[in-house]
Amino acid sequence: MYKKLIAGILLAGVLIIGMTSFGFAQMSTLDEVLKRGVLRVGIMLDFPPLGFRDAEGNPKGYCVDLANLMAKALGVKLEIVETVSANRIPALVAKRVDVSISALTITPERAKVVNFASYPTYRSGMYILTKANRDDINSLFDCKGKTIGTVRGTTPEIAFLEYFKKFKKEDPNSKYISYDSNADQLLALRQGKVDAIAENILWFNEIMKKFPGQFKMVGPPFYQEWCTMAVRRGDLDWLHWINTWLWDLHVRGVIKELHEKWGIPYLPVAPTYK
């Protein structure tokens, strides 16, 4: 009898521990954010108009506005964590941020590591930027035999490298240099370390506004992208909340208003098939 009682107590203890551990394991980022009272959002702040710092050093931009709206909808405070391009996914995986709103292009390769929201935040194209006085670079194909600057691990880099392989075969002098951030990439172009850089048209438009007459953008676009938010893979409750919230912003026209505010071309979210 005594042995059965001890066995019963031990079994109950194991079940309680197992249920408790299961509960902790199942706590989603949504629960953690609500309990913490703070939403940590990863954003690139060297990529206007999506993210940048104003003259007083305050974060501004399209992605910053989205982050503020998300925190407001959750009823929590916002903490913006600056993440350069190469650190966007690592910061998410390492749990330094709860969600990344950092111009992440939706790709199958990245989806092996993170879960993307079902609805896009914006769409854009990839072009080449060079100095305005470069008469020898007037199209994407003039990059052959030149040195081009990219940002490590980004979609523009991956897409450009498909063309670079062809350029390299035709002209061995073709080179590319991969930088850690867009700020480093632009600095290299201004200092003459590269002949041109490959990136997003939205950022290039801002650069040409900031430095009038110094640069020119050339095409044709070598890639078209859809971008959205990302969470850690398997965090389904959190992903479901973000999808619901993001869809509501689209339906109420908030996403369109933000596009207009920041000069981003808006394309309605709709199936591309018929």
Protein backbone atom coordinates (compact mmCIF):
# COMPACT_ATOMS: atom_id res chain seq x y z
CA MET A 1 0.00 0.00 0.00
CA TYR A 2 2.82 2.33 1.01
CA LYS A 3 4.69 1.62 -2.23
CA LYS A 4 1.55 2.31 -4.28
CA LEU A 5 1.05 5.62 -2.45
CA ILE A 6 4.65 6.68 -3.12
CA ALA A 7 4.33 5.63 -6.76
CA GLY A 8 1.12 7.63 -7.07
CA ILE A 9 2.73 10.74 -5.60
CA LEU A 10 5.74 10.42 -7.90
CA LEU A 11 3.51 9.96 -10.94
CA ALA A 12 1.45 13.01 -10.02
CA GLY A 13 4.65 15.01 -9.58
CA VAL A 14 5.93 13.95 -12.99
CA LEU A 15 2.62 14.91 -14.61
CA ILE A 16 2.57 18.31 -12.91
CA ILE A 17 6.17 19.03 -13.95
CA GLY A 18 5.44 17.84 -17.47
CA MET A 19 2.33 20.02 -17.77
CA THR A 20 4.20 23.02 -16.33
CA SER A 21 7.12 22.54 -18.72
CA PHE A 22 4.68 22.14 -21.59
CA GLY A 23 3.00 25.38 -20.64
CA PHE A 24 6.30 27.29 -20.60
CA ALA A 25 7.37 25.73 -23.88
CA GLN A 26 4.12 26.75 -25.50
CA MET A 27 4.23 30.40 -24.37
CA SER A 28 4.28 32.42 -27.54
CA THR A 29 5.98 35.74 -28.17
CA LEU A 30 2.51 37.30 -28.04
CA ASP A 31 2.15 36.19 -24.42
CA GLU A 32 5.68 37.32 -23.61
CA VAL A 33 5.15 40.79 -25.11
CA LEU A 34 1.87 41.29 -23.23
CA LYS A 35 3.43 40.12 -19.97
CA ARG A 36 6.59 42.22 -20.48
CA GLY A 37 4.64 45.30 -21.52
CA VAL A 38 7.25 46.12 -24.15
CA LEU A 39 7.40 45.25 -27.86
CA ARG A 40 10.94 44.95 -29.25
CA VAL A 41 11.03 45.62 -32.98
CA GLY A 42 14.06 45.21 -35.22
CA ILE A 43 14.35 48.00 -37.80
CA MET A 44 17.07 49.20 -40.16
CA LEU A 45 17.71 52.88 -39.48
CA ASP A 46 20.08 53.51 -42.39
CA PHE A 47 17.49 52.88 -45.08
CA PRO A 48 15.16 55.86 -45.70
CA PRO A 49 12.24 56.19 -46.21
CA LEU A 50 11.67 52.85 -44.46
CA GLY A 51 13.85 53.61 -41.44
CA PHE A 52 16.22 56.45 -40.50
CA ARG A 53 17.05 58.95 -37.77
CA ASP A 54 15.92 62.58 -37.94
CA ALA A 55 18.09 65.57 -37.05
CA GLU A 56 17.48 64.93 -33.33
CA GLY A 57 18.40 61.26 -33.65
CA ASN A 58 14.84 59.97 -33.33
CA PRO A 59 13.82 56.90 -35.38
CA LYS A 60 11.50 57.80 -38.27
CA GLY A 61 10.12 56.20 -41.41
CA TYR A 62 7.54 53.83 -42.80
CA CYS A 63 8.68 50.82 -40.73
CA VAL A 64 8.87 52.96 -37.59
CA ASP A 65 5.26 54.04 -38.10
CA LEU A 66 4.22 50.40 -38.47
CA ALA A 67 6.06 49.53 -35.25
CA ASN A 68 4.27 52.31 -33.36
CA LEU A 69 0.91 51.13 -34.67
CA MET A 70 1.67 47.55 -33.61
CA ALA A 71 2.65 48.58 -30.08
CA LYS A 72 -0.48 50.70 -29.80
CA ALA A 73 -2.69 47.80 -30.93
CA LEU A 74 -1.07 45.56 -28.31
CA GLY A 75 -1.34 48.19 -25.60
CA VAL A 76 2.39 48.05 -24.78
CA LYS A 77 5.44 50.30 -25.01
CA LEU A 78 7.69 50.22 -28.07
CA GLU A 79 11.42 49.53 -28.05
CA ILE A 80 13.11 49.95 -31.42
CA VAL A 81 16.23 47.82 -31.84
CA GLU A 82 18.42 49.05 -34.69
CA THR A 83 19.51 46.13 -36.85
CA VAL A 84 21.73 46.57 -39.88
CA SER A 85 20.87 44.48 -42.90
CA ALA A 86 23.14 41.55 -42.09
CA ASN A 87 21.79 41.27 -38.52
CA ARG A 88 18.06 41.32 -39.23
CA ILE A 89 17.45 37.56 -39.08
CA PRO A 90 20.21 36.77 -36.52
CA ALA A 91 18.69 39.32 -34.11
CA LEU A 92 15.31 37.64 -34.51
CA VAL A 93 16.63 34.11 -34.06
CA ALA A 94 18.66 35.15 -31.00
CA LYS A 95 15.50 36.66 -29.44
CA ARG A 96 16.94 40.17 -29.26
CA VAL A 97 13.78 41.32 -31.05
CA ASP A 98 10.19 40.04 -31.08
CA VAL A 99 9.53 40.86 -34.73
CA SER A 100 11.55 42.19 -37.64
CA ILE A 101 10.07 45.03 -39.69
CA SER A 102 13.28 45.62 -41.61
CA ALA A 103 12.56 45.52 -45.34
CA LEU A 104 12.73 41.73 -45.42
CA THR A 105 12.08 40.31 -48.87
CA ILE A 106 9.97 37.16 -48.85
CA THR A 107 12.09 34.25 -50.10
CA PRO A 108 11.90 30.45 -49.71
CA GLU A 109 15.47 30.36 -48.39
CA ARG A 110 14.73 32.79 -45.56
CA ALA A 111 11.50 30.93 -44.81
CA LYS A 112 13.64 28.00 -43.68
CA VAL A 113 14.67 30.14 -40.71
CA VAL A 114 11.78 32.54 -40.07
CA ASN A 115 8.03 32.72 -40.63
CA PHE A 116 6.86 35.58 -42.83
CA ALA A 117 3.57 37.39 -42.34
CA SER A 118 0.98 36.40 -44.95
CA TYR A 119 0.41 39.99 -46.13
CA PRO A 120 3.12 42.24 -47.60
CA THR A 121 4.06 45.64 -46.25
CA TYR A 122 5.38 47.01 -49.55
CA ARG A 123 6.68 46.14 -53.03
CA SER A 124 9.75 47.52 -54.77
CA GLY A 125 12.35 46.99 -57.49
CA MET A 126 16.15 46.73 -57.60
CA TYR A 127 18.33 49.10 -59.62
CA ILE A 128 21.92 50.30 -60.00
CA LEU A 129 23.15 53.64 -58.61
CA THR A 130 26.34 55.35 -59.78
CA LYS A 131 27.82 58.83 -59.84
CA ALA A 132 26.10 61.26 -62.20
CA ASN A 133 29.28 61.88 -64.20
CA ARG A 134 29.79 58.20 -65.08
CA ASP A 135 29.01 58.26 -68.81
CA ASP A 136 30.16 54.63 -69.08
CA ILE A 137 27.37 53.27 -66.83
CA ASN A 138 23.91 53.79 -68.29
CA SER A 139 22.31 50.41 -67.73
CA LEU A 140 22.55 47.29 -65.61
CA PHE A 141 24.60 45.62 -68.35
CA ASP A 142 27.28 48.32 -68.20
CA CYS A 143 28.28 46.84 -64.85
CA LYS A 144 30.30 44.28 -66.77
CA GLY A 145 33.99 44.93 -66.11
CA LYS A 146 33.18 47.24 -63.18
CA THR A 147 33.31 46.92 -59.37
CA ILE A 148 29.84 46.88 -57.81
CA GLY A 149 29.00 47.29 -54.13
CA THR A 150 26.29 45.15 -52.51
CA VAL A 151 25.10 44.50 -48.94
CA ARG A 152 25.86 41.07 -47.55
CA GLY A 153 23.01 38.56 -47.54
CA THR A 154 20.40 40.91 -49.00
CA THR A 155 18.00 40.08 -51.80
CA PRO A 156 19.54 42.78 -54.06
CA GLU A 157 22.93 41.10 -53.63
CA ILE A 158 21.57 37.61 -54.33
CA ALA A 159 19.67 38.80 -57.40
CA PHE A 160 22.58 40.87 -58.73
CA LEU A 161 25.00 37.95 -58.38
CA GLU A 162 23.00 36.03 -60.97
CA TYR A 163 23.94 38.74 -63.48
CA PHE A 164 27.44 39.07 -62.05
CA LYS A 165 28.20 35.44 -62.92
CA LYS A 166 27.51 36.22 -66.58
CA PHE A 167 29.48 39.49 -66.42
CA LYS A 168 32.48 37.68 -64.89
CA LYS A 169 32.53 35.09 -67.68
CA GLU A 170 32.50 37.80 -70.34
CA ASP A 171 34.93 40.13 -68.55
CA PRO A 172 37.27 38.80 -65.80
CA ASN A 173 37.70 42.37 -64.51
CA SER A 174 34.13 42.29 -63.18
CA LYS A 175 34.14 42.46 -59.36
CA TYR A 176 31.77 42.99 -56.47
CA ILE A 177 32.37 43.97 -52.83
CA SER A 178 29.91 42.92 -50.13
CA TYR A 179 29.37 45.40 -47.26
CA ASP A 180 27.74 45.02 -43.85
CA SER A 181 25.30 47.91 -44.19
CA ASN A 182 23.76 50.30 -46.68
CA ALA A 183 25.63 53.18 -45.05
CA ASP A 184 28.94 51.42 -45.75
CA GLN A 185 27.82 50.64 -49.29
CA LEU A 186 26.98 54.28 -50.04
CA LEU A 187 30.21 55.51 -48.47
CA ALA A 188 32.20 53.18 -50.72
CA LEU A 189 30.50 54.66 -53.79
CA ARG A 190 31.12 58.24 -52.64
CA GLN A 191 34.79 57.46 -51.96
CA GLY A 192 35.25 55.80 -55.34
CA LYS A 193 35.95 52.34 -53.92
CA VAL A 194 33.23 50.92 -56.18
CA ASP A 195 31.89 52.06 -59.54
CA ALA A 196 28.25 51.53 -58.65
CA ILE A 197 25.99 49.92 -56.05
CA ALA A 198 22.98 47.60 -56.33
CA GLU A 199 19.95 48.19 -54.12
CA ASN A 200 16.31 49.11 -53.66
CA ILE A 201 14.78 51.97 -55.68
CA LEU A 202 13.09 53.42 -52.57
CA TRP A 203 16.44 53.97 -50.90
CA PHE A 204 18.03 55.25 -54.09
CA ASN A 205 15.28 57.86 -54.48
CA GLU A 206 16.05 59.17 -50.99
CA ILE A 207 19.79 59.25 -51.71
CA MET A 208 19.27 61.31 -54.86
CA LYS A 209 17.06 63.75 -52.90
CA LYS A 210 19.69 64.11 -50.21
CA PHE A 211 22.56 64.55 -52.69
CA PRO A 212 20.98 66.33 -55.69
CA GLY A 213 22.94 66.11 -58.92
CA GLN A 214 25.55 63.71 -57.51
CA PHE A 215 24.07 60.36 -58.51
CA LYS A 216 21.98 58.70 -61.18
CA MET A 217 19.95 55.50 -61.14
CA VAL A 218 20.00 53.11 -64.08
CA GLY A 219 18.00 50.04 -65.04
CA PRO A 220 16.38 47.93 -66.12
CA PRO A 221 15.30 46.62 -62.70
CA PHE A 222 17.05 43.33 -62.07
CA TYR A 223 14.58 42.10 -59.45
CA GLN A 224 11.07 42.87 -58.14
CA GLU A 225 10.39 42.11 -54.48
CA TRP A 226 7.57 41.84 -51.97
CA CYS A 227 8.56 42.58 -48.38
CA THR A 228 6.88 41.94 -45.05
CA MET A 229 7.45 41.26 -41.34
CA ALA A 230 9.04 38.14 -39.91
CA VAL A 231 8.89 36.21 -36.63
CA ARG A 232 10.78 33.20 -35.34
CA ARG A 233 9.88 29.97 -37.11
CA GLY A 234 7.11 28.04 -35.36
CA ASP A 235 5.81 31.00 -33.31
CA LEU A 236 2.32 30.49 -34.73
CA ASP A 237 0.19 32.35 -32.17
CA TRP A 238 2.31 35.46 -32.62
CA LEU A 239 2.25 35.06 -36.40
CA HIS A 240 -1.53 34.68 -36.39
CA TRP A 241 -1.97 37.89 -34.39
CA ILE A 242 0.35 39.81 -36.74
CA ASN A 243 -1.50 38.47 -39.80
CA THR A 244 -4.85 39.55 -38.34
CA TRP A 245 -3.55 42.98 -37.38
CA LEU A 246 -1.77 43.52 -40.70
CA TRP A 247 -4.81 42.49 -42.72
CA ASP A 248 -6.92 44.95 -40.71
CA LEU A 249 -4.49 47.75 -41.63
CA HIS A 250 -4.86 46.85 -45.31
CA VAL A 251 -8.66 46.69 -45.14
CA ARG A 252 -8.97 50.05 -43.35
CA GLY A 253 -6.62 51.75 -45.81
CA VAL A 254 -3.93 52.45 -43.22
CA ILE A 255 -1.19 50.75 -45.25
CA LYS A 256 -2.13 52.82 -48.29
CA GLU A 257 -2.02 56.02 -46.21
CA LEU A 258 1.46 55.16 -44.94
CA HIS A 259 2.63 54.49 -48.51
CA GLU A 260 1.40 57.93 -49.56
CA LYS A 261 2.96 59.59 -46.50
CA TRP A 262 6.41 58.18 -47.28
CA GLY A 263 6.24 58.32 -51.08
CA ILE A 264 6.10 54.56 -51.62
CA PRO A 265 4.12 53.29 -54.65
CA TYR A 266 1.10 51.35 -53.38
CA LEU A 267 -0.19 48.15 -54.93
CA PRO A 268 -3.40 46.70 -53.46
CA VAL A 269 -3.08 43.27 -51.89
CA ALA A 270 -4.90 40.81 -54.16
CA PRO A 271 -4.29 37.35 -55.65
CA THR A 272 -2.12 37.45 -58.78
CA TYR A 273 -3.90 34.47 -60.28
CA LYS A 274 -7.34 34.28 -61.92
